[in-house]
Amino acid sequence: MILTRTITLIRPGRVDYTQAWAWMRQLAADRSAGRADDSLLILEHPPTITLGNKARPEHILIASEVLAARGVSIVQVDRGGDVTYHAPGQIVGYPILKLSQHGGDIGRYVRNLEETIIRTLADFGVTGERIPGLTGVWVGGGTAKVCAIGVKLSAAGVTSHGFALNVNPDLAGFAQIVPCGINNRAVTSLSALLKRDVAPAEVEPALLRHFAAVFDVAPVEAKHRPPMDAEVPHGSSGDDSPLQ
């Protein structure tokens, strides 16, 4: 009999991106060293533009001083991909997994993240789609992206970063960038698709249920936030293989 593995579920609410990134790195380092099991961070960020390892500066369309005046942070990160935007109203998920225990294939892992989102959208009557050659979840025959995905795999085979599902963010924020470096497709949200306000709290239970089913894990809620008693230097979890 194969027992479903447990995964630590951490839901700290709205967290500054750099704080969440520090948690990610610490959790990944602990998982790599065998000091912790798999974990899943589910949270929300204040307005933040992040640039992956393939990001082009011209894909940020607004001057940095204007963004700062709007309260939008800019962070260069160690995931794959180009430019993306985070804001309240997204469900952001950062799985910290030992990939060898989940098939060992980074392509399959990304497809499983997409599958989790596709099944979640289906619960709300929305058909999520994949586009060959592109990452994320799309709708409307591929005309609009509803979920961005960008991940990192450490030298020790531990995943970090993850997905951002647009539930009800202010979509105007995406006009500040060329999302994921793709300028001929739109960005949408579950609220826009359903033509009603949908709160992340309404969607989160379905997302967690489908994540558990797709990855064959049993989430166990953490009693505390990740400890931050020691700073984890950038890249301490090993060389990465980042993807978008």
C-alpha atoms as a PDB file:
ATOM      1  CA  MET A   1       0.000   0.000   0.000  1.00  0.00           C
ATOM      2  CA  ILE A   2       1.406   3.382  -1.034  1.00  0.00           C
ATOM      3  CA  LEU A   3       0.704   6.138   1.443  1.00  0.00           C
ATOM      4  CA  THR A   4       0.023   9.667   0.220  1.00  0.00           C
ATOM      5  CA  ARG A   5       2.849  11.983   1.274  1.00  0.00           C
ATOM      6  CA  THR A   6       2.071  14.941   3.479  1.00  0.00           C
ATOM      7  CA  ILE A   7       3.011  18.465   2.453  1.00  0.00           C
ATOM      8  CA  THR A   8       3.243  21.430   4.801  1.00  0.00           C
ATOM      9  CA  LEU A   9       0.746  24.128   3.802  1.00  0.00           C
ATOM     10  CA  ILE A  10       1.787  27.666   4.725  1.00  0.00           C
ATOM     11  CA  ARG A  11      -0.757  30.460   4.249  1.00  0.00           C
ATOM     12  CA  PRO A  12       0.623  33.749   5.614  1.00  0.00           C
ATOM     13  CA  GLY A  13      -1.765  36.096   3.766  1.00  0.00           C
ATOM     14  CA  ARG A  14      -0.388  39.148   1.953  1.00  0.00           C
ATOM     15  CA  VAL A  15       3.401  39.163   2.018  1.00  0.00           C
ATOM     16  CA  ASP A  16       5.998  41.438   0.470  1.00  0.00           C
ATOM     17  CA  TYR A  17       7.623  39.659  -2.459  1.00  0.00           C
ATOM     18  CA  THR A  18      11.169  39.835  -1.095  1.00  0.00           C
ATOM     19  CA  GLN A  19      10.024  38.367   2.228  1.00  0.00           C
ATOM     20  CA  ALA A  20       8.280  35.487   0.458  1.00  0.00           C
ATOM     21  CA  TRP A  21      11.356  34.918  -1.705  1.00  0.00           C
ATOM     22  CA  ALA A  22      13.509  34.665   1.416  1.00  0.00           C
ATOM     23  CA  TRP A  23      11.072  32.089   2.835  1.00  0.00           C
ATOM     24  CA  MET A  24      11.226  30.162  -0.439  1.00  0.00           C
ATOM     25  CA  ARG A  25      15.008  30.046  -0.383  1.00  0.00           C
ATOM     26  CA  GLN A  26      15.106  28.948   3.225  1.00  0.00           C
ATOM     27  CA  LEU A  27      12.483  26.259   2.710  1.00  0.00           C
ATOM     28  CA  ALA A  28      14.301  25.024  -0.412  1.00  0.00           C
ATOM     29  CA  ALA A  29      17.626  24.909   1.431  1.00  0.00           C
ATOM     30  CA  ASP A  30      16.031  22.993   4.307  1.00  0.00           C
ATOM     31  CA  ARG A  31      14.386  20.556   1.886  1.00  0.00           C
ATOM     32  CA  SER A  32      17.669  20.038   0.045  1.00  0.00           C
ATOM     33  CA  ALA A  33      19.469  19.305   3.301  1.00  0.00           C
ATOM     34  CA  GLY A  34      16.770  16.922   4.516  1.00  0.00           C
ATOM     35  CA  ARG A  35      15.798  19.203   7.392  1.00  0.00           C
ATOM     36  CA  ALA A  36      12.214  19.592   6.129  1.00  0.00           C
ATOM     37  CA  ASP A  37       9.598  17.853   4.032  1.00  0.00           C
ATOM     38  CA  ASP A  38       7.819  19.262   0.985  1.00  0.00           C
ATOM     39  CA  SER A  39       5.903  22.501   1.529  1.00  0.00           C
ATOM     40  CA  LEU A  40       3.489  24.758  -0.316  1.00  0.00           C
ATOM     41  CA  LEU A  41       3.322  28.512   0.222  1.00  0.00           C
ATOM     42  CA  ILE A  42      -0.059  30.015  -0.727  1.00  0.00           C
ATOM     43  CA  LEU A  43      -0.149  33.794  -0.448  1.00  0.00           C
ATOM     44  CA  GLU A  44      -0.730  37.157  -2.083  1.00  0.00           C
ATOM     45  CA  HIS A  45       1.656  39.991  -2.934  1.00  0.00           C
ATOM     46  CA  PRO A  46       1.317  43.772  -2.993  1.00  0.00           C
ATOM     47  CA  PRO A  47       1.875  45.236  -6.489  1.00  0.00           C
ATOM     48  CA  THR A  48       5.217  43.866  -7.716  1.00  0.00           C
ATOM     49  CA  ILE A  49       6.907  43.420 -11.078  1.00  0.00           C
ATOM     50  CA  THR A  50       9.357  40.521 -11.196  1.00  0.00           C
ATOM     51  CA  LEU A  51      11.937  39.820 -13.871  1.00  0.00           C
ATOM     52  CA  GLY A  52      13.040  36.254 -14.571  1.00  0.00           C
ATOM     53  CA  ASN A  53      16.354  35.198 -16.054  1.00  0.00           C
ATOM     54  CA  LYS A  54      15.141  35.860 -19.630  1.00  0.00           C
ATOM     55  CA  ALA A  55      13.574  39.242 -18.896  1.00  0.00           C
ATOM     56  CA  ARG A  56      14.238  42.173 -21.191  1.00  0.00           C
ATOM     57  CA  PRO A  57      14.245  45.634 -19.556  1.00  0.00           C
ATOM     58  CA  GLU A  58      12.111  47.091 -22.341  1.00  0.00           C
ATOM     59  CA  HIS A  59       9.284  44.777 -21.295  1.00  0.00           C
ATOM     60  CA  ILE A  60       8.699  47.141 -18.380  1.00  0.00           C
ATOM     61  CA  LEU A  61       6.768  49.915 -20.085  1.00  0.00           C
ATOM     62  CA  ILE A  62       6.678  52.493 -17.275  1.00  0.00           C
ATOM     63  CA  ALA A  63       9.620  54.406 -15.819  1.00  0.00           C
ATOM     64  CA  SER A  64      10.859  53.058 -12.503  1.00  0.00           C
ATOM     65  CA  GLU A  65      10.248  56.341 -10.701  1.00  0.00           C
ATOM     66  CA  VAL A  66       6.624  56.352 -11.882  1.00  0.00           C
ATOM     67  CA  LEU A  67       6.181  52.767 -10.715  1.00  0.00           C
ATOM     68  CA  ALA A  68       7.685  53.663  -7.355  1.00  0.00           C
ATOM     69  CA  ALA A  69       5.228  56.557  -7.023  1.00  0.00           C
ATOM     70  CA  ARG A  70       2.422  54.076  -7.726  1.00  0.00           C
ATOM     71  CA  GLY A  71       3.716  51.769  -5.019  1.00  0.00           C
ATOM     72  CA  VAL A  72       4.887  49.076  -7.459  1.00  0.00           C
ATOM     73  CA  SER A  73       8.122  47.276  -6.572  1.00  0.00           C
ATOM     74  CA  ILE A  74      10.533  45.815  -9.129  1.00  0.00           C
ATOM     75  CA  VAL A  75      12.458  42.654  -8.220  1.00  0.00           C
ATOM     76  CA  GLN A  76      15.003  40.692 -10.275  1.00  0.00           C
ATOM     77  CA  VAL A  77      14.496  37.028  -9.364  1.00  0.00           C
ATOM     78  CA  ASP A  78      16.042  33.609 -10.039  1.00  0.00           C
ATOM     79  CA  ARG A  79      13.104  31.896 -11.743  1.00  0.00           C
ATOM     80  CA  GLY A  80      12.814  31.237 -15.440  1.00  0.00           C
ATOM     81  CA  GLY A  81      10.943  33.400 -17.870  1.00  0.00           C
ATOM     82  CA  ASP A  82      10.441  37.065 -18.575  1.00  0.00           C
ATOM     83  CA  VAL A  83       8.490  39.819 -16.822  1.00  0.00           C
ATOM     84  CA  THR A  84       5.380  39.197 -14.761  1.00  0.00           C
ATOM     85  CA  TYR A  85       3.161  41.174 -12.420  1.00  0.00           C
ATOM     86  CA  HIS A  86       1.821  40.321  -8.979  1.00  0.00           C
ATOM     87  CA  ALA A  87      -0.992  42.134  -7.200  1.00  0.00           C
ATOM     88  CA  PRO A  88      -3.703  41.582  -4.603  1.00  0.00           C
ATOM     89  CA  GLY A  89      -6.397  39.358  -6.035  1.00  0.00           C
ATOM     90  CA  GLN A  90      -4.025  36.657  -7.238  1.00  0.00           C
ATOM     91  CA  ILE A  91      -3.559  33.264  -5.625  1.00  0.00           C
ATOM     92  CA  VAL A  92       0.198  32.782  -5.693  1.00  0.00           C
ATOM     93  CA  GLY A  93       1.547  29.293  -5.026  1.00  0.00           C
ATOM     94  CA  TYR A  94       5.161  28.341  -4.369  1.00  0.00           C
ATOM     95  CA  PRO A  95       5.608  24.550  -4.109  1.00  0.00           C
ATOM     96  CA  ILE A  96       8.905  23.495  -2.501  1.00  0.00           C
ATOM     97  CA  LEU A  97       9.123  19.874  -3.641  1.00  0.00           C
ATOM     98  CA  LYS A  98      11.818  17.216  -3.955  1.00  0.00           C
ATOM     99  CA  LEU A  99      11.222  16.563  -7.636  1.00  0.00           C
ATOM    100  CA  SER A 100      12.495  12.971  -7.517  1.00  0.00           C
ATOM    101  CA  GLN A 101       9.472  12.129  -5.370  1.00  0.00           C
ATOM    102  CA  HIS A 102       7.104  13.653  -7.944  1.00  0.00           C
ATOM    103  CA  GLY A 103       8.173  11.984 -11.166  1.00  0.00           C
ATOM    104  CA  GLY A 104      11.615  13.546 -11.481  1.00  0.00           C
ATOM    105  CA  ASP A 105      10.755  15.387 -14.705  1.00  0.00           C
ATOM    106  CA  ILE A 106      10.627  19.190 -14.720  1.00  0.00           C
ATOM    107  CA  GLY A 107       8.423  19.275 -17.832  1.00  0.00           C
ATOM    108  CA  ARG A 108       5.933  16.928 -16.218  1.00  0.00           C
ATOM    109  CA  TYR A 109       6.040  19.056 -13.070  1.00  0.00           C
ATOM    110  CA  VAL A 110       5.086  22.199 -14.997  1.00  0.00           C
ATOM    111  CA  ARG A 111       2.304  20.315 -16.794  1.00  0.00           C
ATOM    112  CA  ASN A 112       1.012  19.178 -13.394  1.00  0.00           C
ATOM    113  CA  LEU A 113       0.891  22.776 -12.187  1.00  0.00           C
ATOM    114  CA  GLU A 114      -1.094  23.634 -15.299  1.00  0.00           C
ATOM    115  CA  GLU A 115      -3.374  20.661 -14.692  1.00  0.00           C
ATOM    116  CA  THR A 116      -4.064  21.857 -11.151  1.00  0.00           C
ATOM    117  CA  ILE A 117      -5.176  25.235 -12.477  1.00  0.00           C
ATOM    118  CA  ILE A 118      -7.190  23.745 -15.360  1.00  0.00           C
ATOM    119  CA  ARG A 119      -9.148  21.550 -12.940  1.00  0.00           C
ATOM    120  CA  THR A 120      -9.698  24.510 -10.599  1.00  0.00           C
ATOM    121  CA  LEU A 121     -11.076  26.671 -13.393  1.00  0.00           C
ATOM    122  CA  ALA A 122     -13.362  23.835 -14.479  1.00  0.00           C
ATOM    123  CA  ASP A 123     -15.031  23.938 -11.065  1.00  0.00           C
ATOM    124  CA  PHE A 124     -16.153  27.461 -11.988  1.00  0.00           C
ATOM    125  CA  GLY A 125     -17.291  26.546 -15.472  1.00  0.00           C
ATOM    126  CA  VAL A 126     -14.206  27.949 -17.206  1.00  0.00           C
ATOM    127  CA  THR A 127     -12.221  25.937 -19.744  1.00  0.00           C
ATOM    128  CA  GLY A 128      -8.499  26.356 -19.166  1.00  0.00           C
ATOM    129  CA  GLU A 129      -6.156  25.527 -22.034  1.00  0.00           C
ATOM    130  CA  ARG A 130      -2.513  24.829 -22.789  1.00  0.00           C
ATOM    131  CA  ILE A 131      -0.703  26.353 -25.768  1.00  0.00           C
ATOM    132  CA  PRO A 132       2.136  24.300 -27.320  1.00  0.00           C
ATOM    133  CA  GLY A 133       5.441  26.060 -26.775  1.00  0.00           C
ATOM    134  CA  LEU A 134       4.095  28.394 -24.085  1.00  0.00           C
ATOM    135  CA  THR A 135       3.773  27.934 -20.335  1.00  0.00           C
ATOM    136  CA  GLY A 136       0.784  28.778 -18.164  1.00  0.00           C
ATOM    137  CA  VAL A 137      -2.966  28.404 -18.471  1.00  0.00           C
ATOM    138  CA  TRP A 138      -4.955  30.202 -21.152  1.00  0.00           C
ATOM    139  CA  VAL A 139      -8.581  30.755 -22.116  1.00  0.00           C
ATOM    140  CA  GLY A 140     -10.526  31.780 -25.185  1.00  0.00           C
ATOM    141  CA  GLY A 141      -8.603  29.634 -27.631  1.00  0.00           C
ATOM    142  CA  GLY A 142      -5.320  30.928 -26.260  1.00  0.00           C
ATOM    143  CA  THR A 143      -6.180  34.610 -26.595  1.00  0.00           C
ATOM    144  CA  ALA A 144      -5.711  35.416 -22.899  1.00  0.00           C
ATOM    145  CA  LYS A 145      -3.602  34.105 -20.030  1.00  0.00           C
ATOM    146  CA  VAL A 146      -5.276  33.549 -16.672  1.00  0.00           C
ATOM    147  CA  CYS A 147      -2.378  31.907 -14.830  1.00  0.00           C
ATOM    148  CA  ALA A 148       1.354  32.523 -15.169  1.00  0.00           C
ATOM    149  CA  ILE A 149       3.910  29.866 -14.246  1.00  0.00           C
ATOM    150  CA  GLY A 150       7.654  30.286 -13.694  1.00  0.00           C
ATOM    151  CA  VAL A 151       9.776  27.854 -11.700  1.00  0.00           C
ATOM    152  CA  LYS A 152      13.293  27.087 -10.550  1.00  0.00           C
ATOM    153  CA  LEU A 153      14.929  23.717  -9.972  1.00  0.00           C
ATOM    154  CA  SER A 154      17.958  23.669  -7.685  1.00  0.00           C
ATOM    155  CA  ALA A 155      21.029  21.491  -8.168  1.00  0.00           C
ATOM    156  CA  ALA A 156      19.648  19.313  -5.372  1.00  0.00           C
ATOM    157  CA  GLY A 157      16.441  18.799  -7.363  1.00  0.00           C
ATOM    158  CA  VAL A 158      14.150  21.006  -5.269  1.00  0.00           C
ATOM    159  CA  THR A 159      11.538  23.238  -6.892  1.00  0.00           C
ATOM    160  CA  SER A 160      10.743  26.834  -5.982  1.00  0.00           C
ATOM    161  CA  HIS A 161       8.712  29.738  -7.379  1.00  0.00           C
ATOM    162  CA  GLY A 162       5.498  28.522  -9.011  1.00  0.00           C
ATOM    163  CA  PHE A 163       2.208  29.949 -10.255  1.00  0.00           C
ATOM    164  CA  ALA A 164       0.032  33.062 -10.033  1.00  0.00           C
ATOM    165  CA  LEU A 165      -3.670  32.579 -10.743  1.00  0.00           C
ATOM    166  CA  ASN A 166      -5.561  35.775 -11.529  1.00  0.00           C
ATOM    167  CA  VAL A 167      -8.768  35.665  -9.514  1.00  0.00           C
ATOM    168  CA  ASN A 168      -9.724  39.327  -9.189  1.00  0.00           C
ATOM    169  CA  PRO A 169      -6.625  41.558  -9.494  1.00  0.00           C
ATOM    170  CA  ASP A 170      -6.827  44.997 -11.073  1.00  0.00           C
ATOM    171  CA  LEU A 171      -5.958  43.982 -14.630  1.00  0.00           C
ATOM    172  CA  ALA A 172      -4.838  47.521 -15.445  1.00  0.00           C
ATOM    173  CA  GLY A 173      -1.608  46.701 -13.636  1.00  0.00           C
ATOM    174  CA  PHE A 174      -0.604  44.347 -16.446  1.00  0.00           C
ATOM    175  CA  ALA A 175      -0.561  47.293 -18.874  1.00  0.00           C
ATOM    176  CA  GLN A 176       2.672  48.376 -17.159  1.00  0.00           C
ATOM    177  CA  ILE A 177       4.558  45.427 -18.673  1.00  0.00           C
ATOM    178  CA  VAL A 178       4.672  43.080 -21.647  1.00  0.00           C
ATOM    179  CA  PRO A 179       3.429  40.069 -19.674  1.00  0.00           C
ATOM    180  CA  CYS A 180       5.861  37.145 -19.993  1.00  0.00           C
ATOM    181  CA  GLY A 181       7.340  38.954 -23.002  1.00  0.00           C
ATOM    182  CA  ILE A 182       4.259  38.145 -25.114  1.00  0.00           C
ATOM    183  CA  ASN A 183       2.749  41.251 -26.680  1.00  0.00           C
ATOM    184  CA  ASN A 184      -0.012  39.745 -28.820  1.00  0.00           C
ATOM    185  CA  ARG A 185      -2.122  38.047 -26.157  1.00  0.00           C
ATOM    186  CA  ALA A 186      -4.193  39.485 -23.317  1.00  0.00           C
ATOM    187  CA  VAL A 187      -4.264  38.856 -19.584  1.00  0.00           C
ATOM    188  CA  THR A 188      -7.551  38.071 -17.891  1.00  0.00           C
ATOM    189  CA  SER A 189      -8.947  36.924 -14.548  1.00  0.00           C
ATOM    190  CA  LEU A 190     -11.573  34.547 -13.249  1.00  0.00           C
ATOM    191  CA  SER A 191     -13.722  37.498 -12.228  1.00  0.00           C
ATOM    192  CA  ALA A 192     -13.537  38.996 -15.715  1.00  0.00           C
ATOM    193  CA  LEU A 193     -14.416  35.662 -17.298  1.00  0.00           C
ATOM    194  CA  LEU A 194     -17.387  35.060 -15.004  1.00  0.00           C
ATOM    195  CA  LYS A 195     -18.469  38.716 -15.072  1.00  0.00           C
ATOM    196  CA  ARG A 196     -18.790  38.782 -11.289  1.00  0.00           C
ATOM    197  CA  ASP A 197     -16.474  39.488  -8.397  1.00  0.00           C
ATOM    198  CA  VAL A 198     -14.761  36.292  -7.269  1.00  0.00           C
ATOM    199  CA  ALA A 199     -12.657  36.413  -4.118  1.00  0.00           C
ATOM    200  CA  PRO A 200      -9.461  34.333  -3.782  1.00  0.00           C
ATOM    201  CA  ALA A 201     -10.966  32.757  -0.654  1.00  0.00           C
ATOM    202  CA  GLU A 202     -13.739  31.326  -2.852  1.00  0.00           C
ATOM    203  CA  VAL A 203     -11.233  29.672  -5.190  1.00  0.00           C
ATOM    204  CA  GLU A 204      -8.512  28.552  -2.801  1.00  0.00           C
ATOM    205  CA  PRO A 205     -10.261  25.419  -1.435  1.00  0.00           C
ATOM    206  CA  ALA A 206     -10.767  24.065  -4.955  1.00  0.00           C
ATOM    207  CA  LEU A 207      -7.181  24.841  -5.911  1.00  0.00           C
ATOM    208  CA  LEU A 208      -5.794  23.073  -2.844  1.00  0.00           C
ATOM    209  CA  ARG A 209      -8.036  20.070  -3.435  1.00  0.00           C
ATOM    210  CA  HIS A 210      -6.853  19.708  -7.013  1.00  0.00           C
ATOM    211  CA  PHE A 211      -3.200  20.298  -6.110  1.00  0.00           C
ATOM    212  CA  ALA A 212      -3.476  17.480  -3.568  1.00  0.00           C
ATOM    213  CA  ALA A 213      -5.035  15.165  -6.158  1.00  0.00           C
ATOM    214  CA  VAL A 214      -2.623  15.964  -8.994  1.00  0.00           C
ATOM    215  CA  PHE A 215       0.499  15.684  -6.840  1.00  0.00           C
ATOM    216  CA  ASP A 216      -0.872  12.894  -4.602  1.00  0.00           C
ATOM    217  CA  VAL A 217      -0.164  14.772  -1.374  1.00  0.00           C
ATOM    218  CA  ALA A 218      -2.092  15.515   1.791  1.00  0.00           C
ATOM    219  CA  PRO A 219      -1.715  19.173   2.869  1.00  0.00           C
ATOM    220  CA  VAL A 220      -1.153  19.722   6.585  1.00  0.00           C
ATOM    221  CA  GLU A 221      -1.578  23.304   7.751  1.00  0.00           C
ATOM    222  CA  ALA A 222       1.505  24.794   9.380  1.00  0.00           C
ATOM    223  CA  LYS A 223       0.984  26.295  12.817  1.00  0.00           C
ATOM    224  CA  HIS A 224       3.609  28.979  12.271  1.00  0.00           C
ATOM    225  CA  ARG A 225       5.133  30.967   9.460  1.00  0.00           C
ATOM    226  CA  PRO A 226       8.509  29.781   8.131  1.00  0.00           C
ATOM    227  CA  PRO A 227      11.303  30.646  10.601  1.00  0.00           C
ATOM    228  CA  MET A 228      13.515  33.487   9.492  1.00  0.00           C
ATOM    229  CA  ASP A 229      16.187  33.246  12.163  1.00  0.00           C
ATOM    230  CA  ALA A 230      18.978  32.999   9.611  1.00  0.00           C
ATOM    231  CA  GLU A 231      19.449  34.817   6.317  1.00  0.00           C
ATOM    232  CA  VAL A 232      19.672  32.541   3.308  1.00  0.00           C
ATOM    233  CA  PRO A 233      22.018  33.996   0.689  1.00  0.00           C
ATOM    234  CA  HIS A 234      20.859  34.242  -2.915  1.00  0.00           C
ATOM    235  CA  GLY A 235      21.414  30.969  -4.715  1.00  0.00           C
ATOM    236  CA  SER A 236      22.228  28.986  -1.575  1.00  0.00           C
ATOM    237  CA  SER A 237      19.952  26.142  -2.633  1.00  0.00           C
ATOM    238  CA  GLY A 238      22.200  25.385  -5.609  1.00  0.00           C
ATOM    239  CA  ASP A 239      22.488  26.123  -9.303  1.00  0.00           C
ATOM    240  CA  ASP A 240      19.119  26.489 -10.908  1.00  0.00           C
ATOM    241  CA  SER A 241      17.368  25.306 -14.008  1.00  0.00           C
ATOM    242  CA  PRO A 242      14.714  28.024 -14.313  1.00  0.00           C
ATOM    243  CA  LEU A 243      11.709  27.777 -16.581  1.00  0.00           C
ATOM    244  CA  GLN A 244       8.693  29.831 -17.523  1.00  0.00           C
END
